[in-house]
C-alpha atoms as a PDB file:
ATOM      1  CA  MET A   1      12.806   0.266  12.973  1.00  0.00           C
ATOM      2  CA  LEU A   2      11.125   0.787   9.305  1.00  0.00           C
ATOM      3  CA  ASN A   3      12.731   3.320   8.789  1.00  0.00           C
ATOM      4  CA  VAL A   4      16.236   2.809   9.375  1.00  0.00           C
ATOM      5  CA  ASP A   5      18.112   0.712   6.163  1.00  0.00           C
ATOM      6  CA  ALA A   6      16.838   3.358   4.739  1.00  0.00           C
ATOM      7  CA  VAL A   7      18.287   6.358   6.193  1.00  0.00           C
ATOM      8  CA  ALA A   8      21.767   4.591   5.927  1.00  0.00           C
ATOM      9  CA  ALA A   9      20.855   4.152   2.543  1.00  0.00           C
ATOM     10  CA  LEU A  10      20.221   7.750   1.478  1.00  0.00           C
ATOM     11  CA  VAL A  11      22.934   9.558   3.583  1.00  0.00           C
ATOM     12  CA  HIS A  12      25.696   6.528   2.843  1.00  0.00           C
ATOM     13  CA  SER A  13      25.282   6.151  -1.091  1.00  0.00           C
ATOM     14  CA  GLU A  14      22.693   9.703  -1.376  1.00  0.00           C
ATOM     15  CA  LEU A  15      24.428  12.564  -0.208  1.00  0.00           C
ATOM     16  CA  GLY A  16      27.571  10.270   0.139  1.00  0.00           C
ATOM     17  CA  LEU A  17      28.540  10.550   3.708  1.00  0.00           C
ATOM     18  CA  ARG A  18      29.433   6.351   3.775  1.00  0.00           C
ATOM     19  CA  ASP A  19      31.639   7.731   7.171  1.00  0.00           C
ATOM     20  CA  VAL A  20      28.158   8.982   9.173  1.00  0.00           C
ATOM     21  CA  ALA A  21      26.967   6.284  11.571  1.00  0.00           C
ATOM     22  CA  VAL A  22      23.497   5.942  10.907  1.00  0.00           C
ATOM     23  CA  ARG A  23      21.416   4.207  14.201  1.00  0.00           C
ATOM     24  CA  GLY A  24      18.136   4.320  15.217  1.00  0.00           C
ATOM     25  CA  ILE A  25      16.199   3.460  18.743  1.00  0.00           C
ATOM     26  CA  ALA A  26      12.791   1.679  19.263  1.00  0.00           C
ATOM     27  CA  ASP A  27      10.836   4.307  21.853  1.00  0.00           C
ATOM     28  CA  SER A  28       7.096   3.390  20.958  1.00  0.00           C
ATOM     29  CA  GLY A  29       5.460  -0.470  21.751  1.00  0.00           C
ATOM     30  CA  TRP A  30       7.082  -3.557  20.491  1.00  0.00           C
ATOM     31  CA  PHE A  31       3.553  -4.917  19.843  1.00  0.00           C
ATOM     32  CA  LEU A  32       3.525  -8.588  19.539  1.00  0.00           C
ATOM     33  CA  ASP A  33       1.018 -10.951  17.029  1.00  0.00           C
ATOM     34  CA  ARG A  34      -0.444 -12.434  20.136  1.00  0.00           C
ATOM     35  CA  GLU A  35      -4.329 -13.061  20.104  1.00  0.00           C
ATOM     36  CA  PRO A  36      -6.499 -10.672  21.402  1.00  0.00           C
ATOM     37  CA  TYR A  37      -6.464 -10.628  25.969  1.00  0.00           C
ATOM     38  CA  ASP A  38     -10.235 -10.204  27.387  1.00  0.00           C
ATOM     39  CA  HIS A  39     -10.214 -11.060  30.776  1.00  0.00           C
ATOM     40  CA  ASP A  40     -13.561 -11.519  30.053  1.00  0.00           C
ATOM     41  CA  THR A  41     -15.832 -11.836  27.056  1.00  0.00           C
ATOM     42  CA  ARG A  42     -19.504 -10.606  29.197  1.00  0.00           C
ATOM     43  CA  ALA A  43     -17.628  -7.439  29.779  1.00  0.00           C
ATOM     44  CA  THR A  44     -17.592  -5.722  26.979  1.00  0.00           C
ATOM     45  CA  ALA A  45     -20.212  -6.409  23.396  1.00  0.00           C
ATOM     46  CA  SER A  46     -17.567  -5.141  20.619  1.00  0.00           C
ATOM     47  CA  PRO A  47     -15.253  -7.353  19.445  1.00  0.00           C
ATOM     48  CA  ARG A  48     -11.616  -8.185  19.956  1.00  0.00           C
ATOM     49  CA  VAL A  49      -9.085  -7.650  16.309  1.00  0.00           C
ATOM     50  CA  HIS A  50      -6.108  -9.164  15.952  1.00  0.00           C
ATOM     51  CA  ALA A  51      -2.638  -7.501  16.009  1.00  0.00           C
ATOM     52  CA  ALA A  52      -2.131  -8.293  12.698  1.00  0.00           C
ATOM     53  CA  ASP A  53      -5.937  -8.097  11.114  1.00  0.00           C
ATOM     54  CA  GLY A  54      -5.219  -4.210  11.847  1.00  0.00           C
ATOM     55  CA  VAL A  55      -1.916  -4.045  11.433  1.00  0.00           C
ATOM     56  CA  ARG A  56      -2.811  -5.635   7.621  1.00  0.00           C
ATOM     57  CA  VAL A  57      -5.536  -2.824   7.281  1.00  0.00           C
ATOM     58  CA  GLY A  58      -2.942  -0.564   7.794  1.00  0.00           C
ATOM     59  CA  LEU A  59      -0.236  -1.391   5.686  1.00  0.00           C
ATOM     60  CA  ARG A  60      -2.935  -0.851   2.938  1.00  0.00           C
ATOM     61  CA  VAL A  61      -4.151   2.444   3.963  1.00  0.00           C
ATOM     62  CA  TRP A  62      -0.952   3.938   5.290  1.00  0.00           C
ATOM     63  CA  ARG A  63       0.782   3.183   1.631  1.00  0.00           C
ATOM     64  CA  GLY A  64       3.290   1.697   5.206  1.00  0.00           C
ATOM     65  CA  ARG A  65       6.406   0.383   3.107  1.00  0.00           C
ATOM     66  CA  VAL A  66       8.320  -2.359   4.730  1.00  0.00           C
ATOM     67  CA  PRO A  67      12.153  -3.552   4.701  1.00  0.00           C
ATOM     68  CA  PRO A  68      12.661  -5.146   1.499  1.00  0.00           C
ATOM     69  CA  ALA A  69      14.859  -7.573   3.692  1.00  0.00           C
ATOM     70  CA  CYS A  70      11.598  -8.751   5.839  1.00  0.00           C
ATOM     71  CA  ALA A  71      10.045  -7.943   2.410  1.00  0.00           C
ATOM     72  CA  PHE A  72      11.397 -10.740   0.687  1.00  0.00           C
ATOM     73  CA  THR A  73      11.333 -13.056   4.155  1.00  0.00           C
ATOM     74  CA  GLU A  74       7.419 -11.888   4.454  1.00  0.00           C
ATOM     75  CA  ARG A  75       6.255 -12.494   0.603  1.00  0.00           C
ATOM     76  CA  ARG A  76       3.456 -13.458   2.104  1.00  0.00           C
ATOM     77  CA  ARG A  77       2.197 -11.816   5.264  1.00  0.00           C
ATOM     78  CA  PRO A  78       4.029  -7.981   4.263  1.00  0.00           C
ATOM     79  CA  TRP A  79       2.265  -6.848   7.169  1.00  0.00           C
ATOM     80  CA  MET A  80       4.084  -8.724   9.540  1.00  0.00           C
ATOM     81  CA  CYS A  81       6.776  -7.131   8.869  1.00  0.00           C
ATOM     82  CA  TYR A  82       5.006  -3.737  11.426  1.00  0.00           C
ATOM     83  CA  PHE A  83       6.041  -6.354  14.081  1.00  0.00           C
ATOM     84  CA  GLY A  84       9.251  -5.529  15.711  1.00  0.00           C
ATOM     85  CA  PHE A  85      10.426  -8.988  16.087  1.00  0.00           C
ATOM     86  CA  LYS A  86      10.528 -10.040  12.298  1.00  0.00           C
ATOM     87  CA  LEU A  87      12.523  -7.180  11.762  1.00  0.00           C
ATOM     88  CA  VAL A  88      14.052  -8.283  14.479  1.00  0.00           C
END
């Protein structure tokens, strides 16, 4: 989901293969920006981490790039572009 636009641009513009259809499929988890589930807070001493917090750190650590249209829409929170529902 994150790379299909860049791959299409590479195939169409840089390689000049304008007749090639570029498609992608989301074959991994669909992560939602939800509070962590904890059915019993007494069951564990480890803190629950919100998904967006992990992805926010990951964007920096992974030196990730997100699609420009999403980055423009999510200027203040570019890490949100790692969530499929934001890209769609």
